[in-house]
Amino acid sequence: MQRFDINAIVRPTPEAKRYLDVLKNNGSFNRMIDAYIFAASYAMKHDLDILPLPTGRSDLVSLSLIDEDIRLALEASIHILCQRKGENTPSDSKEVLDILTQYAEAGIKVLKQRWKGKVGIQIQDDIRRIVM
């Protein structure tokens, strides 16, 4: 199983980064990377369609800021989803990160619509319902 290069940088689209900033500022998440990883996990769980990554993305943080157990769970999920879809499993760490980013971007779009008009506490309540 290919692993993330923990020195790699997570690079969301500008649209996603703006929404991550909103989620951080309204208190839904303490860090933007937490919201991004939640969005990726949500997309994986709900088998959302992913699209090729656009150019013009901006740096967020290094993967080293994500807990090792979380990184391992994400890596395993990516490999399992690729196998279930009959796709080749990632061949290098860049490909694993690209797939994670694709899922995160898909999750951000769906969650942004789901949480439209909601304030931080309402979003936190919805997150609790999602993870239960």
N, C-alpha and C. Protein backbone atom coordinates (compact mmCIF):
# COMPACT_ATOMS: atom_id res chain seq x y z
N MET A 1 0.86 -1.18 0.00
CA MET A 1 0.00 0.00 0.00
C MET A 1 0.90 1.23 0.00
N GLN A 2 0.62 2.13 -0.93
CA GLN A 2 1.37 3.38 -0.99
C GLN A 2 0.97 4.29 0.16
N ARG A 3 1.94 4.96 0.72
CA ARG A 3 1.71 5.86 1.85
C ARG A 3 1.88 7.30 1.39
N PHE A 4 1.34 8.22 2.16
CA PHE A 4 1.56 9.64 1.93
C PHE A 4 3.01 9.98 2.24
N ASP A 5 3.55 10.92 1.51
CA ASP A 5 4.81 11.55 1.89
C ASP A 5 4.40 12.61 2.91
N ILE A 6 4.77 12.44 4.16
CA ILE A 6 4.29 13.36 5.19
C ILE A 6 4.80 14.78 5.02
N ASN A 7 5.80 14.97 4.16
CA ASN A 7 6.29 16.32 3.88
C ASN A 7 5.54 16.98 2.73
N ALA A 8 4.65 16.23 2.09
CA ALA A 8 3.87 16.78 0.99
C ALA A 8 2.91 17.84 1.52
N ILE A 9 2.56 18.76 0.65
CA ILE A 9 1.68 19.88 1.02
C ILE A 9 0.28 19.64 0.46
N VAL A 10 -0.72 19.79 1.30
CA VAL A 10 -2.11 19.72 0.88
C VAL A 10 -2.42 21.02 0.14
N ARG A 11 -3.01 20.88 -1.06
CA ARG A 11 -3.23 22.05 -1.91
C ARG A 11 -4.67 22.11 -2.42
N PRO A 12 -5.57 22.73 -1.66
CA PRO A 12 -6.96 22.84 -2.11
C PRO A 12 -7.12 23.91 -3.19
N THR A 13 -8.27 23.85 -3.86
CA THR A 13 -8.60 24.89 -4.83
C THR A 13 -8.89 26.19 -4.08
N PRO A 14 -8.80 27.33 -4.76
CA PRO A 14 -9.12 28.59 -4.08
C PRO A 14 -10.54 28.61 -3.52
N GLU A 15 -11.49 28.05 -4.25
CA GLU A 15 -12.88 28.01 -3.76
C GLU A 15 -12.98 27.20 -2.48
N ALA A 16 -12.34 26.04 -2.46
CA ALA A 16 -12.36 25.20 -1.26
C ALA A 16 -11.65 25.90 -0.10
N LYS A 17 -10.54 26.54 -0.39
CA LYS A 17 -9.79 27.21 0.67
C LYS A 17 -10.61 28.34 1.29
N ARG A 18 -11.36 29.07 0.47
CA ARG A 18 -12.23 30.13 1.02
C ARG A 18 -13.28 29.54 1.95
N TYR A 19 -13.86 28.40 1.56
CA TYR A 19 -14.88 27.80 2.42
C TYR A 19 -14.26 27.20 3.67
N LEU A 20 -13.07 26.66 3.56
CA LEU A 20 -12.36 26.16 4.74
C LEU A 20 -12.12 27.29 5.73
N ASP A 21 -11.79 28.45 5.21
CA ASP A 21 -11.58 29.62 6.06
C ASP A 21 -12.88 30.00 6.77
N VAL A 22 -14.00 29.93 6.06
CA VAL A 22 -15.31 30.21 6.66
C VAL A 22 -15.57 29.23 7.80
N LEU A 23 -15.32 27.95 7.55
CA LEU A 23 -15.58 26.92 8.58
C LEU A 23 -14.69 27.11 9.80
N LYS A 24 -13.49 27.56 9.58
CA LYS A 24 -12.59 27.82 10.72
C LYS A 24 -13.07 29.06 11.48
N ASN A 25 -13.39 30.11 10.75
CA ASN A 25 -13.77 31.37 11.39
C ASN A 25 -15.12 31.29 12.13
N ASN A 26 -16.03 30.43 11.65
CA ASN A 26 -17.32 30.34 12.36
C ASN A 26 -17.28 29.31 13.49
N GLY A 27 -16.10 28.72 13.72
CA GLY A 27 -15.93 27.81 14.84
C GLY A 27 -16.35 26.37 14.58
N SER A 28 -16.67 26.04 13.33
CA SER A 28 -17.06 24.67 13.02
C SER A 28 -15.89 23.71 13.18
N PHE A 29 -14.70 24.17 12.82
CA PHE A 29 -13.47 23.38 12.94
C PHE A 29 -12.38 24.29 13.50
N ASN A 30 -11.46 23.70 14.26
CA ASN A 30 -10.34 24.48 14.80
C ASN A 30 -9.32 24.82 13.73
N ARG A 31 -9.12 23.88 12.79
CA ARG A 31 -8.13 24.09 11.73
C ARG A 31 -8.76 23.81 10.38
N MET A 32 -8.29 24.52 9.36
CA MET A 32 -8.82 24.30 8.02
C MET A 32 -8.51 22.88 7.54
N ILE A 33 -7.35 22.34 7.90
CA ILE A 33 -7.00 20.99 7.46
C ILE A 33 -7.97 19.96 8.04
N ASP A 34 -8.47 20.19 9.24
CA ASP A 34 -9.45 19.27 9.82
C ASP A 34 -10.73 19.25 9.00
N ALA A 35 -11.17 20.41 8.56
CA ALA A 35 -12.37 20.49 7.71
C ALA A 35 -12.13 19.81 6.37
N TYR A 36 -10.94 19.98 5.82
CA TYR A 36 -10.60 19.39 4.53
C TYR A 36 -10.58 17.86 4.63
N ILE A 37 -9.99 17.35 5.68
CA ILE A 37 -9.93 15.89 5.88
C ILE A 37 -11.33 15.35 6.16
N PHE A 38 -12.14 16.08 6.92
CA PHE A 38 -13.52 15.67 7.15
C PHE A 38 -14.27 15.58 5.82
N ALA A 39 -14.08 16.58 4.96
CA ALA A 39 -14.75 16.59 3.66
C ALA A 39 -14.31 15.40 2.81
N ALA A 40 -13.03 15.07 2.85
CA ALA A 40 -12.54 13.90 2.10
C ALA A 40 -13.17 12.63 2.64
N SER A 41 -13.22 12.49 3.94
CA SER A 41 -13.81 11.30 4.57
C SER A 41 -15.29 11.19 4.24
N TYR A 42 -15.98 12.31 4.27
CA TYR A 42 -17.40 12.34 3.94
C TYR A 42 -17.61 11.88 2.50
N ALA A 43 -16.80 12.38 1.59
CA ALA A 43 -16.92 12.01 0.18
C ALA A 43 -16.63 10.53 -0.03
N MET A 44 -15.64 10.01 0.68
CA MET A 44 -15.32 8.59 0.56
C MET A 44 -16.46 7.73 1.08
N LYS A 45 -16.98 8.10 2.24
CA LYS A 45 -18.07 7.33 2.85
C LYS A 45 -19.30 7.31 1.95
N HIS A 46 -19.58 8.43 1.30
CA HIS A 46 -20.78 8.55 0.47
C HIS A 46 -20.50 8.27 -1.00
N ASP A 47 -19.30 7.79 -1.29
CA ASP A 47 -18.90 7.40 -2.65
C ASP A 47 -19.23 8.49 -3.67
N LEU A 48 -18.85 9.72 -3.33
CA LEU A 48 -19.10 10.84 -4.23
C LEU A 48 -18.20 10.73 -5.46
N ASP A 49 -18.70 11.21 -6.58
CA ASP A 49 -17.90 11.23 -7.80
C ASP A 49 -16.79 12.25 -7.65
N ILE A 50 -15.61 11.89 -8.15
CA ILE A 50 -14.47 12.80 -8.10
C ILE A 50 -14.12 13.23 -9.51
N LEU A 51 -13.53 14.40 -9.60
CA LEU A 51 -13.13 14.97 -10.89
C LEU A 51 -11.63 15.20 -10.91
N PRO A 52 -11.06 15.33 -12.10
CA PRO A 52 -9.62 15.65 -12.17
C PRO A 52 -9.33 16.95 -11.43
N LEU A 53 -8.12 17.03 -10.92
CA LEU A 53 -7.73 18.22 -10.15
C LEU A 53 -7.46 19.40 -11.07
N PRO A 54 -7.99 20.56 -10.72
CA PRO A 54 -7.71 21.76 -11.51
C PRO A 54 -6.32 22.31 -11.18
N THR A 55 -5.83 23.15 -12.06
CA THR A 55 -4.58 23.84 -11.76
C THR A 55 -4.90 25.07 -10.92
N GLY A 56 -3.89 25.74 -10.43
CA GLY A 56 -4.11 26.97 -9.67
C GLY A 56 -4.50 26.74 -8.23
N ARG A 57 -4.08 25.62 -7.66
CA ARG A 57 -4.40 25.37 -6.26
C ARG A 57 -3.36 26.06 -5.38
N SER A 58 -3.71 26.28 -4.12
CA SER A 58 -2.80 26.97 -3.21
C SER A 58 -2.43 26.08 -2.03
N ASP A 59 -1.27 26.34 -1.47
CA ASP A 59 -0.79 25.55 -0.34
C ASP A 59 -1.62 25.79 0.91
N LEU A 60 -1.85 24.71 1.67
CA LEU A 60 -2.56 24.82 2.93
C LEU A 60 -1.62 24.45 4.07
N VAL A 61 -1.30 23.17 4.21
CA VAL A 61 -0.39 22.70 5.26
C VAL A 61 0.29 21.42 4.79
N SER A 62 1.30 21.04 5.54
CA SER A 62 1.99 19.77 5.31
C SER A 62 1.17 18.63 5.90
N LEU A 63 1.23 17.49 5.25
CA LEU A 63 0.54 16.31 5.77
C LEU A 63 1.06 15.89 7.14
N SER A 64 2.24 16.35 7.50
CA SER A 64 2.81 15.99 8.80
C SER A 64 1.95 16.53 9.95
N LEU A 65 1.09 17.51 9.69
CA LEU A 65 0.22 18.05 10.74
C LEU A 65 -1.02 17.19 10.98
N ILE A 66 -1.20 16.18 10.15
CA ILE A 66 -2.33 15.26 10.33
C ILE A 66 -1.83 14.06 11.12
N ASP A 67 -2.57 13.69 12.13
CA ASP A 67 -2.21 12.57 13.00
C ASP A 67 -1.93 11.31 12.17
N GLU A 68 -0.92 10.57 12.57
CA GLU A 68 -0.50 9.34 11.86
C GLU A 68 -1.66 8.35 11.69
N ASP A 69 -2.47 8.17 12.71
CA ASP A 69 -3.60 7.23 12.62
C ASP A 69 -4.63 7.69 11.58
N ILE A 70 -4.83 8.99 11.50
CA ILE A 70 -5.76 9.54 10.51
C ILE A 70 -5.20 9.33 9.11
N ARG A 71 -3.91 9.63 8.93
CA ARG A 71 -3.28 9.41 7.61
C ARG A 71 -3.40 7.96 7.19
N LEU A 72 -3.14 7.04 8.10
CA LEU A 72 -3.22 5.62 7.78
C LEU A 72 -4.64 5.22 7.37
N ALA A 73 -5.63 5.71 8.09
CA ALA A 73 -7.03 5.40 7.76
C ALA A 73 -7.40 5.96 6.39
N LEU A 74 -6.93 7.15 6.08
CA LEU A 74 -7.20 7.75 4.77
C LEU A 74 -6.53 6.96 3.65
N GLU A 75 -5.28 6.58 3.88
CA GLU A 75 -4.55 5.79 2.87
C GLU A 75 -5.26 4.47 2.60
N ALA A 76 -5.64 3.78 3.66
CA ALA A 76 -6.33 2.50 3.51
C ALA A 76 -7.66 2.68 2.78
N SER A 77 -8.39 3.73 3.12
CA SER A 77 -9.67 4.00 2.46
C SER A 77 -9.50 4.24 0.98
N ILE A 78 -8.48 4.99 0.63
CA ILE A 78 -8.22 5.27 -0.78
C ILE A 78 -7.93 3.98 -1.53
N HIS A 79 -7.11 3.13 -0.96
CA HIS A 79 -6.78 1.87 -1.62
C HIS A 79 -8.00 0.97 -1.75
N ILE A 80 -8.81 0.90 -0.70
CA ILE A 80 -10.02 0.07 -0.75
C ILE A 80 -10.99 0.59 -1.80
N LEU A 81 -11.18 1.91 -1.86
CA LEU A 81 -12.11 2.48 -2.85
C LEU A 81 -11.62 2.22 -4.27
N CYS A 82 -10.33 2.34 -4.50
CA CYS A 82 -9.78 2.06 -5.84
C CYS A 82 -10.04 0.60 -6.21
N GLN A 83 -9.83 -0.30 -5.28
CA GLN A 83 -10.05 -1.72 -5.55
C GLN A 83 -11.52 -2.01 -5.82
N ARG A 84 -12.41 -1.43 -5.03
CA ARG A 84 -13.85 -1.65 -5.23
C ARG A 84 -14.33 -1.14 -6.58
N LYS A 85 -13.71 -0.05 -7.05
CA LYS A 85 -14.10 0.52 -8.34
C LYS A 85 -13.38 -0.14 -9.51
N GLY A 86 -12.51 -1.11 -9.20
CA GLY A 86 -11.78 -1.79 -10.25
C GLY A 86 -10.68 -0.94 -10.87
N GLU A 87 -10.24 0.07 -10.14
CA GLU A 87 -9.19 0.95 -10.63
C GLU A 87 -7.85 0.49 -10.08
N ASN A 88 -6.78 0.93 -10.73
CA ASN A 88 -5.45 0.63 -10.21
C ASN A 88 -5.25 1.36 -8.90
N THR A 89 -4.60 0.70 -7.96
CA THR A 89 -4.28 1.38 -6.71
C THR A 89 -3.14 2.35 -6.97
N PRO A 90 -3.05 3.40 -6.16
CA PRO A 90 -2.01 4.42 -6.38
C PRO A 90 -0.61 3.80 -6.40
N SER A 91 0.20 4.33 -7.31
CA SER A 91 1.55 3.78 -7.47
C SER A 91 2.61 4.58 -6.74
N ASP A 92 2.26 5.79 -6.30
CA ASP A 92 3.22 6.58 -5.53
C ASP A 92 2.47 7.52 -4.59
N SER A 93 3.22 8.17 -3.71
CA SER A 93 2.60 9.00 -2.68
C SER A 93 1.88 10.22 -3.28
N LYS A 94 2.38 10.74 -4.40
CA LYS A 94 1.72 11.87 -5.04
C LYS A 94 0.32 11.48 -5.52
N GLU A 95 0.21 10.28 -6.05
CA GLU A 95 -1.08 9.81 -6.53
C GLU A 95 -2.07 9.62 -5.37
N VAL A 96 -1.59 9.13 -4.24
CA VAL A 96 -2.44 8.97 -3.06
C VAL A 96 -2.95 10.35 -2.62
N LEU A 97 -2.06 11.34 -2.57
CA LEU A 97 -2.46 12.69 -2.18
C LEU A 97 -3.43 13.30 -3.19
N ASP A 98 -3.20 13.06 -4.47
CA ASP A 98 -4.11 13.59 -5.50
C ASP A 98 -5.52 13.01 -5.33
N ILE A 99 -5.60 11.72 -5.04
CA ILE A 99 -6.91 11.10 -4.85
C ILE A 99 -7.58 11.66 -3.59
N LEU A 100 -6.80 11.82 -2.52
CA LEU A 100 -7.35 12.43 -1.30
C LEU A 100 -7.89 13.82 -1.61
N THR A 101 -7.14 14.59 -2.37
CA THR A 101 -7.55 15.95 -2.73
C THR A 101 -8.82 15.92 -3.56
N GLN A 102 -8.93 14.98 -4.48
CA GLN A 102 -10.14 14.88 -5.30
C GLN A 102 -11.36 14.59 -4.43
N TYR A 103 -11.20 13.69 -3.48
CA TYR A 103 -12.32 13.40 -2.58
C TYR A 103 -12.64 14.60 -1.69
N ALA A 104 -11.63 15.27 -1.19
CA ALA A 104 -11.86 16.44 -0.34
C ALA A 104 -12.61 17.52 -1.10
N GLU A 105 -12.21 17.76 -2.34
CA GLU A 105 -12.88 18.78 -3.15
C GLU A 105 -14.34 18.42 -3.40
N ALA A 106 -14.59 17.14 -3.68
CA ALA A 106 -15.98 16.68 -3.88
C ALA A 106 -16.79 16.85 -2.60
N GLY A 107 -16.18 16.50 -1.47
CA GLY A 107 -16.86 16.63 -0.18
C GLY A 107 -17.16 18.07 0.18
N ILE A 108 -16.20 18.95 -0.09
CA ILE A 108 -16.40 20.38 0.21
C ILE A 108 -17.61 20.91 -0.55
N LYS A 109 -17.73 20.55 -1.82
CA LYS A 109 -18.86 21.04 -2.62
C LYS A 109 -20.20 20.60 -2.05
N VAL A 110 -20.28 19.34 -1.67
CA VAL A 110 -21.54 18.81 -1.12
C VAL A 110 -21.82 19.40 0.26
N LEU A 111 -20.81 19.46 1.11
CA LEU A 111 -21.01 20.00 2.46
C LEU A 111 -21.33 21.49 2.44
N LYS A 112 -20.72 22.22 1.53
CA LYS A 112 -21.01 23.66 1.41
C LYS A 112 -22.49 23.86 1.10
N GLN A 113 -23.03 23.05 0.21
CA GLN A 113 -24.45 23.14 -0.11
C GLN A 113 -25.31 22.69 1.07
N ARG A 114 -24.89 21.61 1.72
CA ARG A 114 -25.64 21.08 2.88
C ARG A 114 -25.70 22.09 4.01
N TRP A 115 -24.61 22.82 4.21
CA TRP A 115 -24.51 23.75 5.33
C TRP A 115 -24.83 25.20 4.95
N LYS A 116 -25.33 25.40 3.77
CA LYS A 116 -25.66 26.75 3.32
C LYS A 116 -26.65 27.40 4.29
N GLY A 117 -26.31 28.61 4.76
CA GLY A 117 -27.19 29.35 5.67
C GLY A 117 -27.09 28.93 7.13
N LYS A 118 -26.25 27.96 7.43
CA LYS A 118 -26.11 27.49 8.82
C LYS A 118 -24.93 28.20 9.49
N VAL A 119 -25.04 28.36 10.80
CA VAL A 119 -23.96 28.95 11.59
C VAL A 119 -23.14 27.83 12.21
N GLY A 120 -22.02 28.21 12.82
CA GLY A 120 -21.08 27.24 13.35
C GLY A 120 -21.68 26.15 14.22
N ILE A 121 -22.51 26.52 15.18
CA ILE A 121 -23.08 25.53 16.10
C ILE A 121 -24.01 24.57 15.36
N GLN A 122 -24.73 25.04 14.37
CA GLN A 122 -25.60 24.18 13.58
C GLN A 122 -24.77 23.19 12.75
N ILE A 123 -23.67 23.67 12.23
CA ILE A 123 -22.77 22.80 11.47
C ILE A 123 -22.16 21.74 12.39
N GLN A 124 -21.75 22.16 13.58
CA GLN A 124 -21.20 21.19 14.53
C GLN A 124 -22.24 20.13 14.90
N ASP A 125 -23.48 20.53 15.08
CA ASP A 125 -24.54 19.56 15.37
C ASP A 125 -24.71 18.58 14.21
N ASP A 126 -24.65 19.09 12.99
CA ASP A 126 -24.77 18.22 11.82
C ASP A 126 -23.56 17.28 11.74
N ILE A 127 -22.39 17.75 12.05
CA ILE A 127 -21.21 16.89 12.05
C ILE A 127 -21.38 15.75 13.04
N ARG A 128 -21.91 16.07 14.21
CA ARG A 128 -22.16 15.01 15.21
C ARG A 128 -23.13 13.96 14.67
N ARG A 129 -24.17 14.41 13.96
CA ARG A 129 -25.11 13.47 13.38
C ARG A 129 -24.44 12.62 12.29
N ILE A 130 -23.58 13.23 11.52
CA ILE A 130 -22.89 12.51 10.44
C ILE A 130 -22.00 11.42 11.00
N VAL A 131 -21.27 11.72 12.06
CA VAL A 131 -20.30 10.74 12.56
C VAL A 131 -20.92 9.70 13.49
N MET A 132 -22.14 9.90 13.93
CA MET A 132 -22.78 8.93 14.81
C MET A 132 -23.29 7.75 14.06
